[in-house]
Every structure is written in structure tokens, then in C-alpha cells.
C-alpha atoms as a PDB file:
ATOM      1  CA  UNK A   1      87.385  76.984  90.165  1.00  0.00           C
ATOM      2  CA  UNK A   2      90.312  78.039  92.338  1.00  0.00           C
ATOM      3  CA  UNK A   3      91.626  81.603  92.251  1.00  0.00           C
ATOM      4  CA  UNK A   4      94.032  83.906  94.023  1.00  0.00           C
ATOM      5  CA  UNK A   5      92.447  87.226  94.962  1.00  0.00           C
ATOM      6  CA  UNK A   6      93.763  90.741  95.501  1.00  0.00           C
ATOM      7  CA  UNK A   7      91.548  93.310  97.233  1.00  0.00           C
ATOM      8  CA  UNK A   8      92.051  97.030  96.755  1.00  0.00           C
ATOM      9  CA  UNK A   9      91.975  99.452  99.666  1.00  0.00           C
ATOM     10  CA  UNK A  10      89.289 102.083  99.952  1.00  0.00           C
ATOM     11  CA  UNK A  11      88.347 102.760 103.548  1.00  0.00           C
ATOM     12  CA  UNK A  12      84.669 102.362 104.323  1.00  0.00           C
ATOM     13  CA  UNK A  13      83.988 101.610 100.644  1.00  0.00           C
ATOM     14  CA  UNK A  14      85.412  98.152 101.382  1.00  0.00           C
ATOM     15  CA  UNK A  15      81.874  97.102 102.329  1.00  0.00           C
ATOM     16  CA  UNK A  16      81.335  96.576  98.605  1.00  0.00           C
ATOM     17  CA  UNK A  17      84.084  93.936  98.520  1.00  0.00           C
ATOM     18  CA  UNK A  18      81.979  91.614 100.682  1.00  0.00           C
ATOM     19  CA  UNK A  19      79.250  91.602  98.045  1.00  0.00           C
ATOM     20  CA  UNK A  20      81.762  90.811  95.299  1.00  0.00           C
ATOM     21  CA  UNK A  21      83.200  87.934  97.351  1.00  0.00           C
ATOM     22  CA  UNK A  22      79.755  86.444  97.793  1.00  0.00           C
ATOM     23  CA  UNK A  23      79.173  86.668  94.025  1.00  0.00           C
ATOM     24  CA  UNK A  24      82.486  84.886  93.403  1.00  0.00           C
ATOM     25  CA  UNK A  25      81.526  82.047  95.731  1.00  0.00           C
ATOM     26  CA  UNK A  26      78.097  81.735  94.144  1.00  0.00           C
ATOM     27  CA  UNK A  27      79.876  81.360  90.794  1.00  0.00           C
ATOM     28  CA  UNK A  28      81.849  78.428  92.204  1.00  0.00           C
ATOM     29  CA  UNK A  29      85.119  80.223  92.991  1.00  0.00           C
ATOM     30  CA  UNK A  30      87.262  79.183  95.956  1.00  0.00           C
ATOM     31  CA  UNK A  31      90.151  81.276  97.262  1.00  0.00           C
ATOM     32  CA  UNK A  32      93.615  79.735  97.459  1.00  0.00           C
ATOM     33  CA  UNK A  33      95.717  82.793  98.332  1.00  0.00           C
ATOM     34  CA  UNK A  34      94.421  86.235  99.252  1.00  0.00           C
ATOM     35  CA  UNK A  35      95.983  89.660  99.639  1.00  0.00           C
ATOM     36  CA  UNK A  36      94.755  93.135 100.394  1.00  0.00           C
ATOM     37  CA  UNK A  37      95.570  96.711 101.228  1.00  0.00           C
ATOM     38  CA  UNK A  38      93.773  98.827 103.843  1.00  0.00           C
ATOM     39  CA  UNK A  39      90.082  97.805 103.945  1.00  0.00           C
ATOM     40  CA  UNK A  40      90.991  95.161 101.373  1.00  0.00           C
ATOM     41  CA  UNK A  41      93.245  93.603 104.014  1.00  0.00           C
ATOM     42  CA  UNK A  42      90.201  93.178 106.282  1.00  0.00           C
ATOM     43  CA  UNK A  43      88.341  91.214 103.629  1.00  0.00           C
ATOM     44  CA  UNK A  44      91.446  89.169 102.781  1.00  0.00           C
ATOM     45  CA  UNK A  45      92.044  88.332 106.461  1.00  0.00           C
ATOM     46  CA  UNK A  46      88.462  87.241 107.038  1.00  0.00           C
ATOM     47  CA  UNK A  47      88.550  85.066 103.925  1.00  0.00           C
ATOM     48  CA  UNK A  48      91.846  83.517 105.004  1.00  0.00           C
ATOM     49  CA  UNK A  49      90.284  82.750 108.393  1.00  0.00           C
ATOM     50  CA  UNK A  50      87.561  80.736 106.696  1.00  0.00           C
ATOM     51  CA  UNK A  51      84.622  83.129 106.662  1.00  0.00           C
ATOM     52  CA  UNK A  52      82.309  82.812 103.685  1.00  0.00           C
ATOM     53  CA  UNK A  53      81.157  85.828 101.717  1.00  0.00           C
ATOM     54  CA  UNK A  54      77.741  85.544 103.310  1.00  0.00           C
ATOM     55  CA  UNK A  55      79.166  85.415 106.854  1.00  0.00           C
ATOM     56  CA  UNK A  56      81.378  88.367 106.062  1.00  0.00           C
ATOM     57  CA  UNK A  57      78.522  90.427 104.680  1.00  0.00           C
ATOM     58  CA  UNK A  58      76.425  89.871 107.815  1.00  0.00           C
ATOM     59  CA  UNK A  59      79.296  91.037 110.028  1.00  0.00           C
ATOM     60  CA  UNK A  60      80.383  94.001 107.932  1.00  0.00           C
ATOM     61  CA  UNK A  61      76.886  95.280 107.158  1.00  0.00           C
ATOM     62  CA  UNK A  62      75.956  94.947 110.823  1.00  0.00           C
ATOM     63  CA  UNK A  63      78.919  97.003 112.052  1.00  0.00           C
ATOM     64  CA  UNK A  64      78.758 100.679 112.960  1.00  0.00           C
ATOM     65  CA  UNK A  65      82.045 101.948 111.557  1.00  0.00           C
ATOM     66  CA  UNK A  66      81.723 105.211 113.452  1.00  0.00           C
ATOM     67  CA  UNK A  67      82.560 103.118 116.547  1.00  0.00           C
ATOM     68  CA  UNK A  68      86.138 102.931 115.255  1.00  0.00           C
ATOM     69  CA  UNK A  69      86.518 106.694 115.715  1.00  0.00           C
ATOM     70  CA  UNK A  70      87.398 106.708 119.407  1.00  0.00           C
ATOM     71  CA  UNK A  71      89.668 109.048 121.329  1.00  0.00           C
ATOM     72  CA  UNK A  72      90.022 110.335 124.891  1.00  0.00           C
ATOM     73  CA  UNK A  73      87.574 113.133 125.881  1.00  0.00           C
ATOM     74  CA  UNK A  74      90.428 115.616 126.252  1.00  0.00           C
ATOM     75  CA  UNK A  75      91.065 115.362 122.506  1.00  0.00           C
ATOM     76  CA  UNK A  76      87.430 116.129 121.648  1.00  0.00           C
ATOM     77  CA  UNK A  77      87.717 119.778 122.684  1.00  0.00           C
ATOM     78  CA  UNK A  78      86.661 121.914 119.735  1.00  0.00           C
ATOM     79  CA  UNK A  79      89.515 122.968 117.430  1.00  0.00           C
ATOM     80  CA  UNK A  80      92.305 122.441 119.959  1.00  0.00           C
ATOM     81  CA  UNK A  81      91.612 118.780 120.878  1.00  0.00           C
ATOM     82  CA  UNK A  82      91.980 117.095 117.465  1.00  0.00           C
ATOM     83  CA  UNK A  83      94.997 119.231 116.545  1.00  0.00           C
ATOM     84  CA  UNK A  84      96.657 118.404 119.858  1.00  0.00           C
ATOM     85  CA  UNK A  85      96.079 114.699 119.311  1.00  0.00           C
ATOM     86  CA  UNK A  86      97.671 114.801 115.871  1.00  0.00           C
ATOM     87  CA  UNK A  87     100.685 116.610 117.321  1.00  0.00           C
ATOM     88  CA  UNK A  88     101.073 114.135 120.181  1.00  0.00           C
ATOM     89  CA  UNK A  89      99.879 110.860 118.657  1.00  0.00           C
ATOM     90  CA  UNK A  90     100.259 111.596 114.916  1.00  0.00           C
ATOM     91  CA  UNK A  91      96.622 110.688 114.217  1.00  0.00           C
ATOM     92  CA  UNK A  92      93.050 111.831 114.873  1.00  0.00           C
ATOM     93  CA  UNK A  93      92.078 108.364 116.147  1.00  0.00           C
ATOM     94  CA  UNK A  94      94.063 105.484 117.592  1.00  0.00           C
ATOM     95  CA  UNK A  95      92.926 102.596 115.404  1.00  0.00           C
ATOM     96  CA  UNK A  96      92.758 100.327 118.465  1.00  0.00           C
ATOM     97  CA  UNK A  97      88.983  99.883 118.138  1.00  0.00           C
ATOM     98  CA  UNK A  98      89.405  98.636 114.569  1.00  0.00           C
ATOM     99  CA  UNK A  99      92.142  96.228 115.621  1.00  0.00           C
ATOM    100  CA  UNK A 100      90.004  94.897 118.485  1.00  0.00           C
ATOM    101  CA  UNK A 101      87.056  94.359 116.127  1.00  0.00           C
ATOM    102  CA  UNK A 102      89.172  92.352 113.675  1.00  0.00           C
ATOM    103  CA  UNK A 103      90.779  90.392 116.524  1.00  0.00           C
ATOM    104  CA  UNK A 104      87.387  89.365 117.921  1.00  0.00           C
ATOM    105  CA  UNK A 105      86.185  88.048 114.551  1.00  0.00           C
ATOM    106  CA  UNK A 106      89.382  86.110 113.870  1.00  0.00           C
ATOM    107  CA  UNK A 107      89.545  84.568 117.337  1.00  0.00           C
ATOM    108  CA  UNK A 108      86.123  83.005 116.809  1.00  0.00           C
ATOM    109  CA  UNK A 109      87.721  81.128 113.907  1.00  0.00           C
ATOM    110  CA  UNK A 110      90.766  80.160 115.977  1.00  0.00           C
ATOM    111  CA  UNK A 111      93.069  82.632 114.217  1.00  0.00           C
ATOM    112  CA  UNK A 112      95.445  84.825 116.222  1.00  0.00           C
ATOM    113  CA  UNK A 113      98.860  84.866 114.539  1.00  0.00           C
ATOM    114  CA  UNK A 114      99.977  84.049 111.001  1.00  0.00           C
ATOM    115  CA  UNK A 115     101.049  80.648 112.326  1.00  0.00           C
ATOM    116  CA  UNK A 116      97.354  79.760 112.556  1.00  0.00           C
ATOM    117  CA  UNK A 117      96.978  80.151 108.778  1.00  0.00           C
ATOM    118  CA  UNK A 118      98.349  77.951 105.976  1.00  0.00           C
ATOM    119  CA  UNK A 119     101.753  79.241 104.760  1.00  0.00           C
ATOM    120  CA  UNK A 120     101.325  81.866 102.052  1.00  0.00           C
ATOM    121  CA  UNK A 121      97.552  82.037 102.502  1.00  0.00           C
ATOM    122  CA  UNK A 122      97.382  85.720 103.470  1.00  0.00           C
ATOM    123  CA  UNK A 123      99.478  88.724 102.418  1.00  0.00           C
ATOM    124  CA  UNK A 124      98.886  92.233 103.734  1.00  0.00           C
ATOM    125  CA  UNK A 125     100.404  95.401 102.277  1.00  0.00           C
ATOM    126  CA  UNK A 126     101.816  98.065 104.617  1.00  0.00           C
ATOM    127  CA  UNK A 127     103.800 101.252 103.999  1.00  0.00           C
ATOM    128  CA  UNK A 128     107.021 101.716 105.979  1.00  0.00           C
ATOM    129  CA  UNK A 129     107.372 105.516 105.973  1.00  0.00           C
ATOM    130  CA  UNK A 130     110.584 105.457 108.001  1.00  0.00           C
ATOM    131  CA  UNK A 131     112.461 103.638 105.239  1.00  0.00           C
ATOM    132  CA  UNK A 132     110.144 104.518 102.351  1.00  0.00           C
ATOM    133  CA  UNK A 133     109.340 100.952 101.314  1.00  0.00           C
ATOM    134  CA  UNK A 134     106.446  98.618 100.641  1.00  0.00           C
ATOM    135  CA  UNK A 135     106.195  95.878 103.258  1.00  0.00           C
ATOM    136  CA  UNK A 136     104.394  92.604 102.560  1.00  0.00           C
ATOM    137  CA  UNK A 137     103.259  90.989 105.795  1.00  0.00           C
ATOM    138  CA  UNK A 138     104.092  88.552 107.183  1.00  0.00           C
ATOM    139  CA  UNK A 139     107.083  87.631 104.978  1.00  0.00           C
ATOM    140  CA  UNK A 140     108.951  90.955 105.150  1.00  0.00           C
ATOM    141  CA  UNK A 141     108.860  91.037 108.964  1.00  0.00           C
ATOM    142  CA  UNK A 142     112.084  89.043 108.987  1.00  0.00           C
ATOM    143  CA  UNK A 143     113.834  92.162 107.682  1.00  0.00           C
ATOM    144  CA  UNK A 144     112.919  93.839 110.981  1.00  0.00           C
ATOM    145  CA  UNK A 145     114.106  90.952 113.129  1.00  0.00           C
ATOM    146  CA  UNK A 146     110.522  89.849 113.822  1.00  0.00           C
ATOM    147  CA  UNK A 147     109.418  86.213 113.453  1.00  0.00           C
ATOM    148  CA  UNK A 148     106.707  86.310 110.724  1.00  0.00           C
ATOM    149  CA  UNK A 149     104.481  83.460 111.911  1.00  0.00           C
ATOM    150  CA  UNK A 150     104.350  84.824 115.465  1.00  0.00           C
ATOM    151  CA  UNK A 151     102.940  88.187 114.391  1.00  0.00           C
ATOM    152  CA  UNK A 152      99.275  88.894 115.136  1.00  0.00           C
ATOM    153  CA  UNK A 153      97.011  89.073 112.078  1.00  0.00           C
ATOM    154  CA  UNK A 154      94.752  91.754 113.607  1.00  0.00           C
ATOM    155  CA  UNK A 155      97.791  93.976 114.190  1.00  0.00           C
ATOM    156  CA  UNK A 156      98.846  93.555 110.565  1.00  0.00           C
ATOM    157  CA  UNK A 157      95.362  94.575 109.403  1.00  0.00           C
ATOM    158  CA  UNK A 158      95.420  97.657 111.617  1.00  0.00           C
ATOM    159  CA  UNK A 159      98.802  98.654 110.197  1.00  0.00           C
ATOM    160  CA  UNK A 160      97.475  98.389 106.649  1.00  0.00           C
ATOM    161  CA  UNK A 161      94.368 100.436 107.552  1.00  0.00           C
ATOM    162  CA  UNK A 162      96.212 103.304 109.277  1.00  0.00           C
ATOM    163  CA  UNK A 163      95.260 106.157 106.956  1.00  0.00           C
ATOM    164  CA  UNK A 164      97.911 108.869 107.536  1.00  0.00           C
ATOM    165  CA  UNK A 165      96.859 111.485 110.100  1.00  0.00           C
ATOM    166  CA  UNK A 166      93.437 109.842 110.387  1.00  0.00           C
ATOM    167  CA  UNK A 167      94.560 106.810 112.397  1.00  0.00           C
ATOM    168  CA  UNK A 168      97.773 106.620 114.422  1.00  0.00           C
ATOM    169  CA  UNK A 169     100.754 105.058 112.656  1.00  0.00           C
ATOM    170  CA  UNK A 170     101.817 101.700 114.088  1.00  0.00           C
ATOM    171  CA  UNK A 171     105.390 101.354 115.260  1.00  0.00           C
ATOM    172  CA  UNK A 172     107.578  98.303 114.800  1.00  0.00           C
ATOM    173  CA  UNK A 173     110.708  97.874 116.889  1.00  0.00           C
ATOM    174  CA  UNK A 174     113.707  96.307 115.235  1.00  0.00           C
ATOM    175  CA  UNK A 175     115.085  93.215 116.914  1.00  0.00           C
ATOM    176  CA  UNK A 176     118.165  91.012 116.725  1.00  0.00           C
ATOM    177  CA  UNK A 177     120.525  91.632 113.818  1.00  0.00           C
ATOM    178  CA  UNK A 178     118.236  94.313 112.403  1.00  0.00           C
ATOM    179  CA  UNK A 179     118.717  96.439 115.541  1.00  0.00           C
ATOM    180  CA  UNK A 180     122.486  96.064 115.837  1.00  0.00           C
ATOM    181  CA  UNK A 181     124.446  99.283 115.585  1.00  0.00           C
ATOM    182  CA  UNK A 182     121.336 101.453 115.849  1.00  0.00           C
ATOM    183  CA  UNK A 183     120.488 103.888 118.610  1.00  0.00           C
ATOM    184  CA  UNK A 184     117.346 103.387 120.683  1.00  0.00           C
ATOM    185  CA  UNK A 185     115.438 105.946 118.593  1.00  0.00           C
ATOM    186  CA  UNK A 186     116.616 104.385 115.321  1.00  0.00           C
ATOM    187  CA  UNK A 187     115.173 101.016 116.322  1.00  0.00           C
ATOM    188  CA  UNK A 188     111.593 102.221 115.802  1.00  0.00           C
ATOM    189  CA  UNK A 189     109.887 102.157 112.409  1.00  0.00           C
ATOM    190  CA  UNK A 190     106.619 103.923 111.570  1.00  0.00           C
ATOM    191  CA  UNK A 191     104.088 102.107 109.368  1.00  0.00           C
ATOM    192  CA  UNK A 192     100.879 103.423 107.816  1.00  0.00           C
ATOM    193  CA  UNK A 193      98.171 102.520 105.302  1.00  0.00           C
ATOM    194  CA  UNK A 194      99.503 100.229 102.576  1.00  0.00           C
ATOM    195  CA  UNK A 195      97.569 102.253 100.003  1.00  0.00           C
ATOM    196  CA  UNK A 196     100.131 105.026 100.312  1.00  0.00           C
ATOM    197  CA  UNK A 197     102.540 102.917  98.216  1.00  0.00           C
ATOM    198  CA  UNK A 198     100.506 100.053  96.715  1.00  0.00           C
ATOM    199  CA  UNK A 199      96.739 100.284  96.916  1.00  0.00           C
ATOM    200  CA  UNK A 200      96.007  97.515  94.414  1.00  0.00           C
ATOM    201  CA  UNK A 201      98.903  95.011  94.510  1.00  0.00           C
ATOM    202  CA  UNK A 202      97.963  92.883  91.519  1.00  0.00           C
ATOM    203  CA  UNK A 203     101.669  92.157  91.082  1.00  0.00           C
ATOM    204  CA  UNK A 204     101.832  90.136  94.274  1.00  0.00           C
ATOM    205  CA  UNK A 205     100.839  86.708  92.953  1.00  0.00           C
ATOM    206  CA  UNK A 206     102.000  87.132  89.369  1.00  0.00           C
ATOM    207  CA  UNK A 207     104.674  84.756  88.110  1.00  0.00           C
ATOM    208  CA  UNK A 208     107.242  87.345  87.071  1.00  0.00           C
ATOM    209  CA  UNK A 209     109.643  84.802  85.617  1.00  0.00           C
ATOM    210  CA  UNK A 210     107.116  83.675  83.060  1.00  0.00           C
ATOM    211  CA  UNK A 211     105.408  87.053  82.717  1.00  0.00           C
ATOM    212  CA  UNK A 212     101.948  85.619  83.101  1.00  0.00           C
ATOM    213  CA  UNK A 213      99.052  86.679  85.275  1.00  0.00           C
ATOM    214  CA  UNK A 214      98.811  84.111  87.988  1.00  0.00           C
ATOM    215  CA  UNK A 215     100.891  81.924  90.253  1.00  0.00           C
ATOM    216  CA  UNK A 216     102.135  78.423  89.601  1.00  0.00           C
ATOM    217  CA  UNK A 217     101.587  75.733  92.232  1.00  0.00           C
ATOM    218  CA  UNK A 218     104.974  74.216  92.996  1.00  0.00           C
ATOM    219  CA  UNK A 219     105.408  70.712  91.706  1.00  0.00           C
ATOM    220  CA  UNK A 220     102.031  70.625  89.977  1.00  0.00           C
ATOM    221  CA  UNK A 221     102.504  72.953  87.022  1.00  0.00           C
ATOM    222  CA  UNK A 222      98.970  74.237  87.539  1.00  0.00           C
ATOM    223  CA  UNK A 223      98.504  77.971  87.143  1.00  0.00           C
ATOM    224  CA  UNK A 224      96.094  79.588  89.572  1.00  0.00           C
ATOM    225  CA  UNK A 225      94.618  82.766  88.034  1.00  0.00           C
ATOM    226  CA  UNK A 226      94.698  85.985  90.021  1.00  0.00           C
ATOM    227  CA  UNK A 227      91.516  88.058  90.129  1.00  0.00           C
ATOM    228  CA  UNK A 228      91.519  91.644  91.363  1.00  0.00           C
ATOM    229  CA  UNK A 229      88.671  93.296  93.232  1.00  0.00           C
ATOM    230  CA  UNK A 230      88.827  97.040  92.630  1.00  0.00           C
ATOM    231  CA  UNK A 231      86.536  99.848  93.751  1.00  0.00           C
ATOM    232  CA  UNK A 232      85.938 102.496  91.090  1.00  0.00           C
ATOM    233  CA  UNK A 233      84.095 105.779  90.830  1.00  0.00           C
ATOM    234  CA  UNK A 234      85.058 109.259  91.838  1.00  0.00           C
ATOM    235  CA  UNK A 235      83.654 110.703  95.026  1.00  0.00           C
ATOM    236  CA  UNK A 236      81.908 114.037  94.916  1.00  0.00           C
ATOM    237  CA  UNK A 237      84.514 116.779  95.340  1.00  0.00           C
ATOM    238  CA  UNK A 238      84.536 118.286  98.815  1.00  0.00           C
ATOM    239  CA  UNK A 239      86.047 121.778  99.172  1.00  0.00           C
ATOM    240  CA  UNK A 240      88.569 122.187 101.980  1.00  0.00           C
ATOM    241  CA  UNK A 241      88.499 125.341 104.098  1.00  0.00           C
ATOM    242  CA  UNK A 242      92.093 125.890 105.133  1.00  0.00           C
ATOM    243  CA  UNK A 243      92.490 128.088 108.215  1.00  0.00           C
ATOM    244  CA  UNK A 244      95.803 126.862 109.582  1.00  0.00           C
ATOM    245  CA  UNK A 245      98.395 124.065 109.614  1.00  0.00           C
ATOM    246  CA  UNK A 246      95.968 121.454 110.955  1.00  0.00           C
ATOM    247  CA  UNK A 247      93.222 122.032 108.365  1.00  0.00           C
ATOM    248  CA  UNK A 248      95.887 122.178 105.677  1.00  0.00           C
ATOM    249  CA  UNK A 249      97.086 118.757 106.818  1.00  0.00           C
ATOM    250  CA  UNK A 250      93.533 117.392 106.543  1.00  0.00           C
ATOM    251  CA  UNK A 251      93.194 118.864 103.058  1.00  0.00           C
ATOM    252  CA  UNK A 252      96.477 117.318 101.939  1.00  0.00           C
ATOM    253  CA  UNK A 253      95.489 113.843 103.135  1.00  0.00           C
ATOM    254  CA  UNK A 254      91.999 114.112 101.630  1.00  0.00           C
ATOM    255  CA  UNK A 255      93.425 115.220  98.294  1.00  0.00           C
ATOM    256  CA  UNK A 256      96.012 112.427  98.356  1.00  0.00           C
ATOM    257  CA  UNK A 257      93.333 109.771  98.885  1.00  0.00           C
ATOM    258  CA  UNK A 258      91.091 111.162  96.129  1.00  0.00           C
ATOM    259  CA  UNK A 259      93.932 111.506  93.650  1.00  0.00           C
ATOM    260  CA  UNK A 260      95.060 107.975  94.470  1.00  0.00           C
ATOM    261  CA  UNK A 261      91.628 106.604  93.559  1.00  0.00           C
ATOM    262  CA  UNK A 262      91.515 108.579  90.314  1.00  0.00           C
ATOM    263  CA  UNK A 263      94.975 107.398  89.291  1.00  0.00           C
ATOM    264  CA  UNK A 264      93.881 103.785  89.507  1.00  0.00           C
ATOM    265  CA  UNK A 265      90.729 104.486  87.522  1.00  0.00           C
ATOM    266  CA  UNK A 266      92.840 105.884  84.691  1.00  0.00           C
ATOM    267  CA  UNK A 267      95.243 102.940  84.569  1.00  0.00           C
ATOM    268  CA  UNK A 268      95.027  99.980  82.230  1.00  0.00           C
ATOM    269  CA  UNK A 269      91.702  98.151  82.494  1.00  0.00           C
ATOM    270  CA  UNK A 270      92.540  94.648  83.681  1.00  0.00           C
ATOM    271  CA  UNK A 271      90.371  91.949  82.134  1.00  0.00           C
ATOM    272  CA  UNK A 272      90.890  90.012  85.338  1.00  0.00           C
ATOM    273  CA  UNK A 273      89.518  92.692  87.637  1.00  0.00           C
ATOM    274  CA  UNK A 274      86.069  92.977  89.196  1.00  0.00           C
ATOM    275  CA  UNK A 275      85.278  96.696  88.999  1.00  0.00           C
ATOM    276  CA  UNK A 276      82.890  97.788  91.736  1.00  0.00           C
ATOM    277  CA  UNK A 277      81.080 101.172  91.617  1.00  0.00           C
ATOM    278  CA  UNK A 278      81.315 102.933  94.986  1.00  0.00           C
ATOM    279  CA  UNK A 279      78.344 105.273  94.517  1.00  0.00           C
ATOM    280  CA  UNK A 280      80.175 108.489  95.401  1.00  0.00           C
ATOM    281  CA  UNK A 281      80.900 107.376  98.976  1.00  0.00           C
ATOM    282  CA  UNK A 282      84.182 108.664 100.418  1.00  0.00           C
ATOM    283  CA  UNK A 283      87.075 106.662 101.842  1.00  0.00           C
ATOM    284  CA  UNK A 284      86.780 108.154 105.340  1.00  0.00           C
ATOM    285  CA  UNK A 285      82.987 108.481 105.396  1.00  0.00           C
ATOM    286  CA  UNK A 286      82.699 106.383 108.554  1.00  0.00           C
ATOM    287  CA  UNK A 287      79.325 107.902 109.494  1.00  0.00           C
ATOM    288  CA  UNK A 288      77.780 105.843 106.718  1.00  0.00           C
ATOM    289  CA  UNK A 289      74.067 105.040 106.918  1.00  0.00           C
ATOM    290  CA  UNK A 290      72.633 101.528 106.765  1.00  0.00           C
ATOM    291  CA  UNK A 291      71.035 102.421 103.437  1.00  0.00           C
ATOM    292  CA  UNK A 292      74.412 103.419 102.009  1.00  0.00           C
ATOM    293  CA  UNK A 293      76.051 100.328 103.461  1.00  0.00           C
ATOM    294  CA  UNK A 294      73.445  98.068 101.844  1.00  0.00           C
ATOM    295  CA  UNK A 295      73.825  99.921  98.543  1.00  0.00           C
ATOM    296  CA  UNK A 296      77.603  99.386  98.557  1.00  0.00           C
ATOM    297  CA  UNK A 297      77.165  95.697  99.271  1.00  0.00           C
ATOM    298  CA  UNK A 298      74.593  95.388  96.455  1.00  0.00           C
ATOM    299  CA  UNK A 299      76.957  97.174  94.061  1.00  0.00           C
ATOM    300  CA  UNK A 300      79.695  94.658  94.872  1.00  0.00           C
ATOM    301  CA  UNK A 301      77.357  91.708  94.463  1.00  0.00           C
ATOM    302  CA  UNK A 302      76.106  92.961  91.079  1.00  0.00           C
ATOM    303  CA  UNK A 303      79.622  93.716  89.800  1.00  0.00           C
ATOM    304  CA  UNK A 304      80.853  90.298  90.923  1.00  0.00           C
ATOM    305  CA  UNK A 305      77.951  88.490  89.278  1.00  0.00           C
ATOM    306  CA  UNK A 306      78.562  90.307  85.989  1.00  0.00           C
ATOM    307  CA  UNK A 307      82.301  89.601  86.060  1.00  0.00           C
ATOM    308  CA  UNK A 308      82.134  85.890  86.836  1.00  0.00           C
ATOM    309  CA  UNK A 309      79.313  85.329  84.365  1.00  0.00           C
ATOM    310  CA  UNK A 310      81.624  86.487  81.571  1.00  0.00           C
ATOM    311  CA  UNK A 311      84.993  85.444  82.988  1.00  0.00           C
ATOM    312  CA  UNK A 312      83.992  81.795  83.422  1.00  0.00           C
ATOM    313  CA  UNK A 313      83.461  81.568  79.653  1.00  0.00           C
ATOM    314  CA  UNK A 314      87.033  82.617  78.840  1.00  0.00           C
END
């Protein structure tokens, strides 16, 4: 049973996606094309690189995500440090540790750039906030004068995971025809978390011409169904104490992420979507305990088993 898969973004809650992937594989599913936003892009990239759900779960559940929250000591000074970093770098943390982690995993599978993957295998959603557009990597890189298959996969994942003001935005520099007629400053584009514009891109593999859910294999007339992996469940509301511009900024971002999750919960219930409870764990709750991590994984595994038990009969 071959499927295309789309993985929703959700920060640290993405641990649950690994459990759902393992359930899909146990049900006999294989992944032809994969796509993801934010933490969903991590899972999609690892799948594209050839990791099994079981291998992925061992890696993800054995990772301390708090290690991604690194910054220079000068920016750890109470009150002033974090605010200064946001002003100078546009984020509380760099995101480099996350990128390095992804790079190390992919390199063990011989994957560095998109050239190392089959064409069309992996799509990653990024938000271009300079031009206000959704960017699908690697294909849309040509619009920036960048050769798609030479772009590093780990960098693409980091771009998709750059939660605004939490991680630094990633800059792209226009090249070739795309840069002509632009000043030096205008040649730089800021990109952030893909979830800002498309957190659950179920549209990506749909055959729009025929209006059906799935993608047709060229020359074969065989339709590959698209299955979505979505994390559901509201997090416990956390009051924000606003004392100045910086704390107001934090409150705005936190509210945006929560509202984004709720909006997707209220949308049409896709019969082709694995819905994974996230147990009240927050998107940026990087200080997650092992017990919580295991519980998220188990929730994904259970949701995946339930979905594929029913879906295979349709």
C-alpha cells in the first residue's frame, strides 16, 4: 500500500508523528512522496532519507530538545539579554543546533542536498515574510535564483522550523536574474516557520485538475492517495504577563501559535487524516520530560493504528 504523506507542524509535539509513522508502516504502508511543515518537515525529511518509523522513534525519543535552545552567554543576562538578542538577531535562539542535529542524522544516510533524494520525494513548506508568500522547497528556490537540487536539506528543515521570534529567521540571498535591478539590501529575503502560512499543506499532492484527493503517477494512471498526519488538542491556556514591548511580543507569538492550532481543529474533518491527540503539551515546550515524550509517541502510535485499521477497509 503506497501513500503520499503530509505532516502538520507543531513544534515539540511532532514527537507524536513518529509513533503514527510506525503504525502506518506496521499496517503495510510505504511512503512515495512526503511533505511537512515545521516539526512535520523533520519527520518528512527523515522518512525521505530512508529512516523507518522505528529508527526515527529511537532518535527522536532519545533527543533532549532543550539542547536546541542555545545562545551566547551575553544574551542570557536576566531581562536584558533575551530582549537584546531579539533586537539584534530577531530571535531568542539561533536554530543552528537544530540544523546541526538534522544534518548529522541525514549524513549518516548519505543525504546532504536535495540532489541526494529522488526528484519530488520531499517537499518542505516555508514562509517568505519579505514577500508574503508560501515557499515550497526545493522547487520554489528557482524563483530566488538558487539551484533547487544543490540546496541543503537540513537548512530547508531549519527554515521551516524557525518559529517567529523564538528561532532566528533564515535569510536567502537572491542570485542571478532574481537579483538584477535590486539594491544590496533588497537582495535578502527573510524566511520563517512554514506554519505561519500553511501548517497542514494537504493541498500539496492533490490533483487539482481532476479535483481528487491524491496524485497521479505520470504514465501509469495510478492514483496514490494522500494521507495527512495532524496533531489535535488544545493546550492548557497560559496567561501572559505583559510588562513591556518584549513580553508583549512573546504573548503575540504564543497567541498566534495557539490560535493557529485551534483553527485547524475547527476545520473540516478529513477522512484521510490521522488525528493525533497531543495531551495538552505546548508547541514550544522544549523542556519536555521523557515521560511526556513517551506519552506523545504512544498517542501517535495508537492514533495511527486506529486510522489504518479502518482506512484499509475503504
